[in-house]
């Protein structure tokens, strides 16, 4: 009696199935490998930020001010800002009320196209107020801020900036290198990084 040799049919079916799977997977793999992620080009910042600094604090201090020059390429309105180092962030104005200098929050600040608007220390000026600080801000630190802006069509935009921390007071700008703030009250130019403009969600 002749014994039949084991059938190779199951092996053939298994090999065919594996080949089919390989063929089906190949186009997807080739697509993933051959199609790089689309490069995202950052949008040009609509607000030029210059001479920016945040006043350094002492241990336990809960608030401080931020100062900068803002020049918008189109009509915009600064409606606020935010930062992770403070619990509250407000746009403030310092002004004389009779013989008393008072500081109060304001809802917005217009940024006319092509005109430089100064957020500066001292009387009769605006500044950014950081309140409920979560840590001490030391000279040499860098703080990330998100400026909140409103365009002429009502659209809300944000712009990321990184601002250096400098020694100074609410009425005096940082000192020039090698001099005390009392002797050199002039504003020192600070280099900073500016991010793209984004539409707020």
C-alpha atoms as a PDB file:
ATOM      1  CA  UNK A   1       0.000   0.000   0.000  1.00  0.00           C
ATOM      2  CA  UNK A   2       1.433   3.315  -1.090  1.00  0.00           C
ATOM      3  CA  UNK A   3       1.546   6.040   1.561  1.00  0.00           C
ATOM      4  CA  UNK A   4       0.652   9.484   0.301  1.00  0.00           C
ATOM      5  CA  UNK A   5       3.250  12.150   0.857  1.00  0.00           C
ATOM      6  CA  UNK A   6       2.082  15.005   3.117  1.00  0.00           C
ATOM      7  CA  UNK A   7       0.263  17.670   1.187  1.00  0.00           C
ATOM      8  CA  UNK A   8       2.085  20.909   0.651  1.00  0.00           C
ATOM      9  CA  UNK A   9      -1.169  22.762   0.144  1.00  0.00           C
ATOM     10  CA  UNK A  10      -1.330  24.327   3.639  1.00  0.00           C
ATOM     11  CA  UNK A  11       2.228  25.620   3.295  1.00  0.00           C
ATOM     12  CA  UNK A  12       1.467  27.047  -0.119  1.00  0.00           C
ATOM     13  CA  UNK A  13      -1.639  28.818   1.185  1.00  0.00           C
ATOM     14  CA  UNK A  14       0.284  30.224   4.133  1.00  0.00           C
ATOM     15  CA  UNK A  15       3.064  31.545   1.866  1.00  0.00           C
ATOM     16  CA  UNK A  16       0.496  33.063  -0.515  1.00  0.00           C
ATOM     17  CA  UNK A  17      -1.265  34.802   2.362  1.00  0.00           C
ATOM     18  CA  UNK A  18       1.997  36.256   3.679  1.00  0.00           C
ATOM     19  CA  UNK A  19       2.895  37.502   0.194  1.00  0.00           C
ATOM     20  CA  UNK A  20      -0.488  39.160  -0.158  1.00  0.00           C
ATOM     21  CA  UNK A  21      -0.094  40.885   3.173  1.00  0.00           C
ATOM     22  CA  UNK A  22       3.346  42.128   2.163  1.00  0.00           C
ATOM     23  CA  UNK A  23       1.993  43.491  -1.123  1.00  0.00           C
ATOM     24  CA  UNK A  24      -0.876  45.230   0.664  1.00  0.00           C
ATOM     25  CA  UNK A  25       1.457  46.795   3.228  1.00  0.00           C
ATOM     26  CA  UNK A  26       4.102  47.883   0.755  1.00  0.00           C
ATOM     27  CA  UNK A  27       2.252  50.886  -0.744  1.00  0.00           C
ATOM     28  CA  UNK A  28       1.406  52.245   2.720  1.00  0.00           C
ATOM     29  CA  UNK A  29       5.003  51.855   3.862  1.00  0.00           C
ATOM     30  CA  UNK A  30       6.298  53.481   0.693  1.00  0.00           C
ATOM     31  CA  UNK A  31       3.828  56.342   1.121  1.00  0.00           C
ATOM     32  CA  UNK A  32       4.864  56.914   4.721  1.00  0.00           C
ATOM     33  CA  UNK A  33       8.554  56.775   3.863  1.00  0.00           C
ATOM     34  CA  UNK A  34       8.379  58.757   0.656  1.00  0.00           C
ATOM     35  CA  UNK A  35       6.066  61.576   1.766  1.00  0.00           C
ATOM     36  CA  UNK A  36       7.767  63.914   4.276  1.00  0.00           C
ATOM     37  CA  UNK A  37       5.686  65.953   6.697  1.00  0.00           C
ATOM     38  CA  UNK A  38       4.636  69.277   5.255  1.00  0.00           C
ATOM     39  CA  UNK A  39       6.909  72.075   6.449  1.00  0.00           C
ATOM     40  CA  UNK A  40       5.063  74.732   8.390  1.00  0.00           C
ATOM     41  CA  UNK A  41       6.469  78.174   7.719  1.00  0.00           C
ATOM     42  CA  UNK A  42       6.052  80.574  10.660  1.00  0.00           C
ATOM     43  CA  UNK A  43       3.990  83.646   9.890  1.00  0.00           C
ATOM     44  CA  UNK A  44       5.715  86.975  10.086  1.00  0.00           C
ATOM     45  CA  UNK A  45       5.043  88.727  13.386  1.00  0.00           C
ATOM     46  CA  UNK A  46       2.592  91.589  12.908  1.00  0.00           C
ATOM     47  CA  UNK A  47       3.924  93.437  15.952  1.00  0.00           C
ATOM     48  CA  UNK A  48       7.580  94.389  16.276  1.00  0.00           C
ATOM     49  CA  UNK A  49       8.606  94.119  19.925  1.00  0.00           C
ATOM     50  CA  UNK A  50      11.664  96.098  21.016  1.00  0.00           C
ATOM     51  CA  UNK A  51      13.407  97.217  24.229  1.00  0.00           C
ATOM     52  CA  UNK A  52      11.513  94.625  26.247  1.00  0.00           C
ATOM     53  CA  UNK A  53      12.250  93.749  29.873  1.00  0.00           C
ATOM     54  CA  UNK A  54      10.564  92.550  33.042  1.00  0.00           C
ATOM     55  CA  UNK A  55      11.590  93.982  36.402  1.00  0.00           C
ATOM     56  CA  UNK A  56      13.464  91.514  38.617  1.00  0.00           C
ATOM     57  CA  UNK A  57      11.891  90.655  41.972  1.00  0.00           C
ATOM     58  CA  UNK A  58      13.069  89.815  45.478  1.00  0.00           C
ATOM     59  CA  UNK A  59      12.134  86.628  47.313  1.00  0.00           C
ATOM     60  CA  UNK A  60       8.485  86.665  48.353  1.00  0.00           C
ATOM     61  CA  UNK A  61       7.480  89.517  46.037  1.00  0.00           C
ATOM     62  CA  UNK A  62       4.080  88.836  44.454  1.00  0.00           C
ATOM     63  CA  UNK A  63       4.009  91.246  41.513  1.00  0.00           C
ATOM     64  CA  UNK A  64       6.159  93.040  38.964  1.00  0.00           C
ATOM     65  CA  UNK A  65       5.939  95.030  35.736  1.00  0.00           C
ATOM     66  CA  UNK A  66       6.810  94.356  32.113  1.00  0.00           C
ATOM     67  CA  UNK A  67       7.854  97.016  29.613  1.00  0.00           C
ATOM     68  CA  UNK A  68       8.433  97.130  25.854  1.00  0.00           C
ATOM     69  CA  UNK A  69       7.943  99.082  22.642  1.00  0.00           C
ATOM     70  CA  UNK A  70       5.278  97.807  20.243  1.00  0.00           C
ATOM     71  CA  UNK A  71       5.041  98.727  16.563  1.00  0.00           C
ATOM     72  CA  UNK A  72       2.179  97.128  14.634  1.00  0.00           C
ATOM     73  CA  UNK A  73       2.287  96.561  10.877  1.00  0.00           C
ATOM     74  CA  UNK A  74      -1.509  97.001  10.705  1.00  0.00           C
ATOM     75  CA  UNK A  75      -4.076  98.564  13.038  1.00  0.00           C
ATOM     76  CA  UNK A  76      -4.293  96.340  16.117  1.00  0.00           C
ATOM     77  CA  UNK A  77      -5.400  96.616  19.724  1.00  0.00           C
ATOM     78  CA  UNK A  78      -3.547  95.069  22.644  1.00  0.00           C
ATOM     79  CA  UNK A  79      -6.275  93.496  24.773  1.00  0.00           C
ATOM     80  CA  UNK A  80      -4.117  91.660  27.287  1.00  0.00           C
ATOM     81  CA  UNK A  81      -1.398  89.082  27.774  1.00  0.00           C
ATOM     82  CA  UNK A  82      -0.687  85.887  29.667  1.00  0.00           C
ATOM     83  CA  UNK A  83       2.300  84.081  31.154  1.00  0.00           C
ATOM     84  CA  UNK A  84       2.823  80.859  33.055  1.00  0.00           C
ATOM     85  CA  UNK A  85       4.896  82.573  35.776  1.00  0.00           C
ATOM     86  CA  UNK A  86       1.968  84.654  37.102  1.00  0.00           C
ATOM     87  CA  UNK A  87      -1.540  83.804  38.284  1.00  0.00           C
ATOM     88  CA  UNK A  88      -2.919  87.092  36.951  1.00  0.00           C
ATOM     89  CA  UNK A  89      -1.827  89.290  34.050  1.00  0.00           C
ATOM     90  CA  UNK A  90      -3.264  92.746  33.381  1.00  0.00           C
ATOM     91  CA  UNK A  91      -2.575  95.782  31.233  1.00  0.00           C
ATOM     92  CA  UNK A  92      -2.071  98.730  33.606  1.00  0.00           C
ATOM     93  CA  UNK A  93      -1.819 102.501  33.382  1.00  0.00           C
ATOM     94  CA  UNK A  94      -0.069 104.822  35.837  1.00  0.00           C
ATOM     95  CA  UNK A  95      -1.429 108.358  36.004  1.00  0.00           C
ATOM     96  CA  UNK A  96      -1.607 111.282  38.400  1.00  0.00           C
ATOM     97  CA  UNK A  97      -4.900 111.705  40.246  1.00  0.00           C
ATOM     98  CA  UNK A  98      -4.493 115.133  41.797  1.00  0.00           C
ATOM     99  CA  UNK A  99      -1.280 114.880  43.780  1.00  0.00           C
ATOM    100  CA  UNK A 100      -1.375 111.078  43.968  1.00  0.00           C
ATOM    101  CA  UNK A 101      -0.006 108.705  41.346  1.00  0.00           C
ATOM    102  CA  UNK A 102      -2.402 105.821  40.897  1.00  0.00           C
ATOM    103  CA  UNK A 103      -2.161 102.583  38.956  1.00  0.00           C
ATOM    104  CA  UNK A 104      -5.219 100.893  37.495  1.00  0.00           C
ATOM    105  CA  UNK A 105      -6.100  98.215  34.977  1.00  0.00           C
ATOM    106  CA  UNK A 106      -7.249  99.170  31.478  1.00  0.00           C
ATOM    107  CA  UNK A 107      -9.108  96.849  29.084  1.00  0.00           C
ATOM    108  CA  UNK A 108      -7.081  97.607  25.957  1.00  0.00           C
ATOM    109  CA  UNK A 109      -4.443  99.757  24.278  1.00  0.00           C
ATOM    110  CA  UNK A 110      -4.650 100.815  20.591  1.00  0.00           C
ATOM    111  CA  UNK A 111      -1.648 100.050  18.377  1.00  0.00           C
ATOM    112  CA  UNK A 112      -1.960 102.275  15.276  1.00  0.00           C
ATOM    113  CA  UNK A 113      -0.235 100.921  12.172  1.00  0.00           C
ATOM    114  CA  UNK A 114       3.388 102.035  11.903  1.00  0.00           C
ATOM    115  CA  UNK A 115       3.377 103.961  15.193  1.00  0.00           C
ATOM    116  CA  UNK A 116       5.526 102.862  18.145  1.00  0.00           C
ATOM    117  CA  UNK A 117       3.598 102.554  21.415  1.00  0.00           C
ATOM    118  CA  UNK A 118       5.731 102.563  24.551  1.00  0.00           C
ATOM    119  CA  UNK A 119       4.984 100.464  27.607  1.00  0.00           C
ATOM    120  CA  UNK A 120       7.406 102.162  29.964  1.00  0.00           C
ATOM    121  CA  UNK A 121       8.049 102.703  33.658  1.00  0.00           C
ATOM    122  CA  UNK A 122       7.115 106.023  35.189  1.00  0.00           C
ATOM    123  CA  UNK A 123       4.096 108.281  35.387  1.00  0.00           C
ATOM    124  CA  UNK A 124       1.573 108.714  32.582  1.00  0.00           C
ATOM    125  CA  UNK A 125       2.441 105.408  30.968  1.00  0.00           C
ATOM    126  CA  UNK A 126       1.216 101.879  30.407  1.00  0.00           C
ATOM    127  CA  UNK A 127       2.882  98.622  31.411  1.00  0.00           C
ATOM    128  CA  UNK A 128       2.200  94.916  31.750  1.00  0.00           C
ATOM    129  CA  UNK A 129       1.434  93.870  35.331  1.00  0.00           C
ATOM    130  CA  UNK A 130       2.292  90.325  36.450  1.00  0.00           C
ATOM    131  CA  UNK A 131       0.532  89.431  39.716  1.00  0.00           C
ATOM    132  CA  UNK A 132       0.515  86.335  41.875  1.00  0.00           C
ATOM    133  CA  UNK A 133       4.036  85.382  40.813  1.00  0.00           C
ATOM    134  CA  UNK A 134       4.750  81.672  41.125  1.00  0.00           C
ATOM    135  CA  UNK A 135       8.499  82.125  41.550  1.00  0.00           C
ATOM    136  CA  UNK A 136      11.141  84.787  42.004  1.00  0.00           C
ATOM    137  CA  UNK A 137      12.215  86.446  38.754  1.00  0.00           C
ATOM    138  CA  UNK A 138      15.971  86.969  38.816  1.00  0.00           C
ATOM    139  CA  UNK A 139      18.097  89.120  36.527  1.00  0.00           C
ATOM    140  CA  UNK A 140      19.193  87.004  33.592  1.00  0.00           C
ATOM    141  CA  UNK A 141      15.996  84.934  33.533  1.00  0.00           C
ATOM    142  CA  UNK A 142      13.767  84.869  30.451  1.00  0.00           C
ATOM    143  CA  UNK A 143       9.976  84.917  30.662  1.00  0.00           C
ATOM    144  CA  UNK A 144       7.626  83.734  27.921  1.00  0.00           C
ATOM    145  CA  UNK A 145       4.640  86.010  27.310  1.00  0.00           C
ATOM    146  CA  UNK A 146       1.645  85.655  25.015  1.00  0.00           C
ATOM    147  CA  UNK A 147       0.391  89.007  23.733  1.00  0.00           C
ATOM    148  CA  UNK A 148      -3.341  89.039  23.006  1.00  0.00           C
ATOM    149  CA  UNK A 149      -4.308  91.267  20.081  1.00  0.00           C
ATOM    150  CA  UNK A 150      -7.492  92.225  18.263  1.00  0.00           C
ATOM    151  CA  UNK A 151      -7.429  93.032  14.560  1.00  0.00           C
ATOM    152  CA  UNK A 152      -9.578  95.669  12.854  1.00  0.00           C
ATOM    153  CA  UNK A 153     -12.006  92.966  11.708  1.00  0.00           C
ATOM    154  CA  UNK A 154     -12.501  91.788  15.285  1.00  0.00           C
ATOM    155  CA  UNK A 155     -10.407  88.646  14.950  1.00  0.00           C
ATOM    156  CA  UNK A 156      -8.369  87.763  18.049  1.00  0.00           C
ATOM    157  CA  UNK A 157      -4.697  86.955  17.512  1.00  0.00           C
ATOM    158  CA  UNK A 158      -1.813  85.989  19.779  1.00  0.00           C
ATOM    159  CA  UNK A 159       1.907  86.528  19.496  1.00  0.00           C
ATOM    160  CA  UNK A 160       4.557  84.747  21.545  1.00  0.00           C
ATOM    161  CA  UNK A 161       7.527  86.707  22.895  1.00  0.00           C
ATOM    162  CA  UNK A 162      10.380  85.904  25.277  1.00  0.00           C
ATOM    163  CA  UNK A 163      11.379  88.774  27.524  1.00  0.00           C
ATOM    164  CA  UNK A 164      14.573  89.088  29.614  1.00  0.00           C
ATOM    165  CA  UNK A 165      14.422  89.936  33.319  1.00  0.00           C
ATOM    166  CA  UNK A 166      16.391  93.051  34.327  1.00  0.00           C
ATOM    167  CA  UNK A 167      16.998  95.012  37.491  1.00  0.00           C
ATOM    168  CA  UNK A 168      15.055  98.273  37.637  1.00  0.00           C
ATOM    169  CA  UNK A 169      12.097  99.935  39.278  1.00  0.00           C
ATOM    170  CA  UNK A 170       8.546 100.869  38.314  1.00  0.00           C
ATOM    171  CA  UNK A 171       9.780 104.407  37.659  1.00  0.00           C
ATOM    172  CA  UNK A 172      13.200 103.629  36.208  1.00  0.00           C
ATOM    173  CA  UNK A 173      14.487 101.551  33.301  1.00  0.00           C
ATOM    174  CA  UNK A 174      17.367  99.074  33.599  1.00  0.00           C
ATOM    175  CA  UNK A 175      20.798 100.585  34.122  1.00  0.00           C
ATOM    176  CA  UNK A 176      23.420 100.588  31.405  1.00  0.00           C
ATOM    177  CA  UNK A 177      26.102  97.936  31.815  1.00  0.00           C
ATOM    178  CA  UNK A 178      28.460  98.673  34.685  1.00  0.00           C
ATOM    179  CA  UNK A 179      26.387 101.504  36.173  1.00  0.00           C
ATOM    180  CA  UNK A 180      23.762 101.723  38.896  1.00  0.00           C
ATOM    181  CA  UNK A 181      20.120 102.269  37.990  1.00  0.00           C
ATOM    182  CA  UNK A 182      20.146 105.521  39.915  1.00  0.00           C
ATOM    183  CA  UNK A 183      23.047 106.875  37.878  1.00  0.00           C
ATOM    184  CA  UNK A 184      21.898 105.620  34.468  1.00  0.00           C
ATOM    185  CA  UNK A 185      18.106 105.741  34.119  1.00  0.00           C
ATOM    186  CA  UNK A 186      18.127 105.406  30.320  1.00  0.00           C
ATOM    187  CA  UNK A 187      16.488 102.494  28.554  1.00  0.00           C
ATOM    188  CA  UNK A 188      18.871  99.779  27.455  1.00  0.00           C
ATOM    189  CA  UNK A 189      18.125  97.911  24.241  1.00  0.00           C
ATOM    190  CA  UNK A 190      17.423  94.232  24.896  1.00  0.00           C
ATOM    191  CA  UNK A 191      17.549  91.437  22.354  1.00  0.00           C
ATOM    192  CA  UNK A 192      14.580  89.120  22.391  1.00  0.00           C
ATOM    193  CA  UNK A 193      13.008  86.264  20.461  1.00  0.00           C
ATOM    194  CA  UNK A 194       9.764  86.869  18.666  1.00  0.00           C
ATOM    195  CA  UNK A 195       7.376  84.155  17.608  1.00  0.00           C
ATOM    196  CA  UNK A 196       4.754  83.979  14.891  1.00  0.00           C
ATOM    197  CA  UNK A 197       1.287  85.425  15.011  1.00  0.00           C
ATOM    198  CA  UNK A 198      -1.487  82.906  15.690  1.00  0.00           C
ATOM    199  CA  UNK A 199      -5.237  83.066  15.585  1.00  0.00           C
ATOM    200  CA  UNK A 200      -6.656  82.403  19.029  1.00  0.00           C
ATOM    201  CA  UNK A 201      -9.123  79.561  19.362  1.00  0.00           C
END
